[in-house]
Protein backbone atom coordinates (compact mmCIF):
# COMPACT_ATOMS: atom_id res chain seq x y z
CA MET A 1 -0.11 -0.18 -0.03
CA ARG A 2 3.01 2.33 0.55
CA LYS A 3 3.88 2.16 -2.98
CA THR A 4 0.26 2.74 -4.05
CA TYR A 5 -0.11 5.87 -1.90
CA PHE A 6 3.26 7.15 -3.14
CA ALA A 7 2.29 6.91 -6.78
CA SER A 8 -0.98 8.36 -5.89
CA GLY A 9 0.44 11.56 -4.55
CA ILE A 10 2.73 11.80 -7.49
CA ILE A 11 0.22 11.06 -10.36
CA VAL A 12 -2.26 13.50 -8.53
CA SER A 13 -0.08 16.29 -9.38
CA ALA A 14 0.50 15.27 -12.66
CA LEU A 15 -2.59 15.32 -13.92
CA ILE A 16 -3.02 18.33 -14.72
CA LEU A 17 -3.08 19.60 -17.36
CA SER A 18 -5.15 19.40 -17.13
CA SER A 19 -7.80 20.79 -20.29
CA PHE A 20 -9.91 22.59 -22.50
CA LEU A 21 -12.40 23.42 -25.27
CA PRO A 22 -13.81 26.89 -25.39
CA LYS A 23 -17.81 27.33 -24.82
CA ASN A 24 -17.44 30.48 -26.67
CA LYS A 25 -14.93 32.30 -28.55
CA GLU A 26 -14.31 34.71 -25.83
CA GLU A 27 -12.86 31.85 -23.83
CA LEU A 28 -10.20 31.79 -26.47
CA LYS A 29 -9.44 35.45 -26.87
CA SER A 30 -10.85 38.71 -25.61
CA ASN A 31 -10.33 40.53 -28.78
CA PRO A 32 -12.96 39.99 -31.40
CA ALA A 33 -11.07 41.52 -34.09
CA GLU A 34 -8.36 39.18 -33.55
CA LEU A 35 -10.81 36.14 -33.34
CA GLN A 36 -12.16 37.04 -36.81
CA LYS A 37 -8.69 36.71 -38.60
CA ALA A 38 -7.34 33.78 -36.75
CA ASP A 39 -7.86 30.20 -37.95
CA THR A 40 -9.23 27.67 -35.42
CA TYR A 41 -7.57 24.26 -35.07
CA ALA A 42 -9.29 21.41 -33.58
CA VAL A 43 -7.34 19.13 -31.15
CA ASP A 44 -6.99 15.52 -32.32
CA ILE A 45 -8.00 13.71 -29.10
CA ASN A 46 -6.85 10.30 -30.45
CA LYS A 47 -3.22 11.64 -30.89
CA SER A 48 -2.86 14.07 -28.14
CA LYS A 49 -1.88 13.59 -24.49
CA ILE A 50 -0.34 15.03 -21.49
CA TYR A 51 2.39 12.84 -19.84
CA TRP A 52 3.13 13.26 -16.21
CA THR A 53 6.04 12.59 -13.89
CA GLY A 54 5.86 12.73 -10.11
CA LYS A 55 8.87 11.96 -7.72
CA GLY A 56 9.21 10.92 -4.06
CA VAL A 57 12.12 9.77 -1.97
CA GLY A 58 14.28 7.82 -4.36
CA LYS A 59 11.60 7.04 -6.68
CA GLN A 60 9.44 8.45 -9.32
CA HIS A 61 6.17 7.34 -11.38
CA THR A 62 4.86 8.15 -14.80
CA GLY A 63 1.81 8.20 -16.60
CA PHE A 64 -0.55 10.31 -18.97
CA VAL A 65 -3.98 11.83 -19.05
CA THR A 66 -6.10 12.31 -22.30
CA ILE A 67 -7.81 15.44 -23.64
CA GLN A 68 -11.44 15.35 -24.01
CA SER A 69 -11.54 18.28 -26.64
CA GLY A 70 -10.05 21.44 -27.63
CA THR A 71 -9.19 24.27 -30.07
CA VAL A 72 -6.07 26.33 -30.80
CA LEU A 73 -6.25 29.72 -32.53
CA ILE A 74 -3.56 30.59 -35.06
CA ASP A 75 -2.90 33.79 -36.70
CA THR A 76 -0.07 33.89 -39.44
CA LYS A 77 1.71 30.96 -37.95
CA THR A 78 1.29 32.28 -34.56
CA VAL A 79 -0.68 30.95 -31.64
CA THR A 80 -3.15 33.52 -30.33
CA GLY A 81 -5.28 31.45 -28.04
CA GLY A 82 -6.69 28.21 -27.04
CA PHE A 83 -8.76 26.38 -24.66
CA MET A 84 -9.00 22.57 -23.84
CA TYR A 85 -10.62 20.18 -21.33
CA ILE A 86 -8.60 17.30 -19.72
CA ASN A 87 -10.51 14.16 -18.87
CA MET A 88 -9.67 13.48 -15.30
CA LYS A 89 -11.30 10.05 -15.35
CA SER A 90 -8.64 9.06 -18.00
CA ILE A 91 -5.87 9.09 -15.25
CA THR A 92 -3.48 6.50 -16.20
CA ASN A 93 -0.15 5.12 -14.70
CA THR A 94 2.44 3.44 -17.07
CA ASP A 95 5.14 2.25 -14.84
CA ILE A 96 3.36 -0.03 -12.38
CA LYS A 97 3.20 -3.43 -14.05
CA ASP A 98 1.21 -5.01 -11.46
CA ALA A 99 -2.49 -4.96 -12.35
CA GLY A 100 -3.77 -4.95 -8.82
CA PHE A 101 -1.39 -2.26 -7.78
CA ASN A 102 -2.04 0.09 -10.73
CA LYS A 103 -5.79 0.00 -10.21
CA ASN A 104 -5.33 0.83 -6.57
CA LEU A 105 -3.35 3.80 -7.55
CA VAL A 106 -5.62 4.90 -10.20
CA ASP A 107 -8.56 4.42 -8.12
CA HIS A 108 -6.95 6.71 -5.14
CA LEU A 109 -5.99 9.37 -7.60
CA LYS A 110 -9.52 9.75 -8.68
CA SER A 111 -10.75 9.50 -4.95
CA PRO A 112 -11.55 12.84 -2.64
CA ASP A 113 -8.07 12.22 -1.36
CA PHE A 114 -6.72 13.53 -4.68
CA PHE A 115 -8.64 14.86 -7.82
CA PHE A 116 -11.99 13.74 -6.88
CA ALA A 117 -12.66 12.89 -10.33
CA ALA A 118 -16.66 12.13 -9.52
CA LYS A 119 -16.90 15.85 -8.45
CA PHE A 120 -14.27 17.32 -10.67
CA PRO A 121 -14.31 15.10 -13.95
CA THR A 122 -12.65 17.86 -16.09
CA SER A 123 -9.55 20.16 -15.72
CA THR A 124 -9.12 22.99 -18.14
CA PHE A 125 -6.07 24.80 -19.76
CA LYS A 126 -6.63 28.16 -21.22
CA ILE A 127 -3.85 29.73 -23.40
CA ILE A 128 -3.86 33.54 -22.89
CA LYS A 129 -1.01 34.07 -25.29
CA ALA A 130 2.02 32.57 -26.98
CA GLU A 131 5.12 34.48 -27.17
CA ARG A 132 7.35 33.72 -30.28
CA LEU A 133 10.92 33.38 -29.53
CA ASP A 134 13.98 34.17 -31.45
CA VAL A 135 15.92 31.03 -30.76
CA PRO A 136 18.14 28.53 -32.72
CA GLU A 137 16.30 25.59 -34.62
CA GLY A 138 15.71 22.73 -32.34
CA GLN A 139 14.89 24.82 -29.17
CA PRO A 140 11.57 25.92 -28.12
CA ASN A 141 10.43 28.64 -30.02
CA TYR A 142 7.39 29.84 -27.89
CA LYS A 143 6.78 30.87 -24.19
CA VAL A 144 3.13 29.94 -23.57
CA LEU A 145 1.29 32.00 -20.69
CA GLY A 146 -2.12 30.46 -19.54
CA GLU A 147 -4.40 29.58 -16.80
CA LEU A 148 -4.64 25.80 -15.60
CA THR A 149 -7.63 24.88 -13.56
CA ILE A 150 -7.95 21.81 -11.43
CA LYS A 151 -10.49 20.96 -8.88
CA GLY A 152 -12.07 24.17 -9.79
CA ILE A 153 -9.14 26.05 -8.70
CA LYS A 154 -7.71 28.45 -11.49
CA LYS A 155 -3.86 29.57 -11.41
CA PRO A 156 -1.59 30.88 -13.77
CA ILE A 157 0.98 28.66 -15.52
CA GLU A 158 3.80 29.46 -18.14
CA PHE A 159 6.26 27.09 -19.89
CA LEU A 160 8.58 26.92 -23.26
CA SER A 161 6.94 25.03 -26.14
CA THR A 162 7.98 23.99 -29.57
CA ILE A 163 5.26 24.45 -32.30
CA LYS A 164 5.57 23.06 -35.66
CA TYR A 165 3.18 23.67 -38.57
CA ILE A 166 2.78 20.94 -40.92
CA LYS A 167 0.46 21.82 -44.01
CA LYS A 168 -2.91 22.24 -42.10
CA SER A 169 -2.11 20.77 -38.79
CA ILE A 170 0.23 21.76 -36.09
CA VAL A 171 2.06 19.85 -33.33
CA ILE A 172 2.57 21.57 -29.83
CA THR A 173 5.15 19.88 -27.57
CA GLY A 174 6.63 21.32 -24.49
CA ASP A 175 7.69 20.60 -20.71
CA ALA A 176 5.70 22.34 -17.77
CA GLU A 177 5.78 22.18 -14.12
CA PHE A 178 3.28 22.83 -11.37
CA ASP A 179 2.81 22.80 -7.51
CA ARG A 180 0.12 20.33 -6.90
CA THR A 181 -0.58 21.78 -3.59
CA ILE A 182 -1.98 25.15 -4.77
CA TYR A 183 -4.81 23.17 -6.30
CA ASP A 184 -5.56 21.57 -2.91
CA VAL A 185 -3.64 18.41 -3.78
CA LYS A 186 -1.47 18.12 -0.51
CA TYR A 187 -1.24 14.42 0.06
CA ASN A 188 2.07 13.37 1.79
CA SER A 189 3.34 16.83 1.14
CA GLY A 190 6.35 17.91 3.01
CA ASN A 191 5.09 21.60 3.50
CA PHE A 192 1.83 20.34 5.03
CA PHE A 193 2.90 16.99 7.13
CA GLN A 194 5.83 16.18 9.03
CA ASP A 195 7.84 13.01 9.58
CA LEU A 196 6.95 11.33 6.34
CA GLY A 197 10.09 9.65 5.80
CA ASP A 198 10.04 7.80 2.43
CA LYS A 199 6.39 8.46 1.93
CA LEU A 200 7.06 12.11 1.34
CA ILE A 201 5.94 13.21 -2.30
CA GLU A 202 7.38 16.03 -3.93
CA ASP A 203 5.10 19.04 -4.51
CA LYS A 204 6.50 19.70 -8.05
CA VAL A 205 5.14 17.67 -10.95
CA GLN A 206 6.53 17.54 -14.39
CA LEU A 207 4.57 17.63 -17.64
CA LYS A 208 5.06 16.70 -21.36
CA LEU A 209 2.83 18.08 -23.86
CA ASP A 210 2.17 16.20 -26.90
CA ILE A 211 -0.84 18.21 -28.74
CA HIS A 212 -1.84 17.47 -32.34
CA ALA A 213 -4.30 19.75 -34.03
CA GLU A 214 -5.95 20.32 -37.48
CA ILE A 215 -7.66 23.15 -38.90
CA LYS A 216 -11.36 23.00 -38.84
C-alpha cells in the first residue's frame, strides 16, 4: 500500500493539465477583431496526450491523461489563444506493471484524497497568449502563458513550447511544471505534513505536452 499511496500523490499532481475546449470564442480570446482573422484548429484527441512524472524519496512514477476536446487559434503561424478540457477520469499510470497495484493507484487518484474525479471530472487549460522566441532551430520557439484549472481552482502557468506547422496541422510539444498543493492536492506533502520519511511526495509535478491539432 505504501507504493500505491506514493504513486497516488505523484500522479495526482501530474494530472493536470489538466484541459480545455471553449464554450464560446470569448474563452479563447478577448479581442473580437483578432478572433475574426485567426484560424481555428481542433485538437486531435486520439493523438494528443499530457504525460506526467511525479517524484518521491528515491522513486518516481509516470503516466498520462487524455484531452477530451480542445481548440487552438492560429494567426499567421502564431498561436493567439486556445482552450482545452482534460479528462480527469482518464488518469493512467504506465510504470506499475502489477495490475492490482496499478488499479489501486488509479482509483486512489480519482478519490476525494486527490483529484475527486466524480466531482471534478475535467480540468481546463486556457492559452492566454504564446510569445514567439528568437532562438536557434531545435530549441523551444514559444513561451506559453495560460491558466490551469484543477478541482475548480484556477492558477496561472507558463512554460516553453515547440510548435511545428505541417500543412494544415500543428504539433505542440513542451515541458511544464506545477505545484500540486496550490490545487488543494496536499497528500504527503512535506510542506503540510511532518515525519513522512520515505512516504514524502514532491510538490512539483513535471508534464510533457504532446498536442496535435488540425484546421477546421
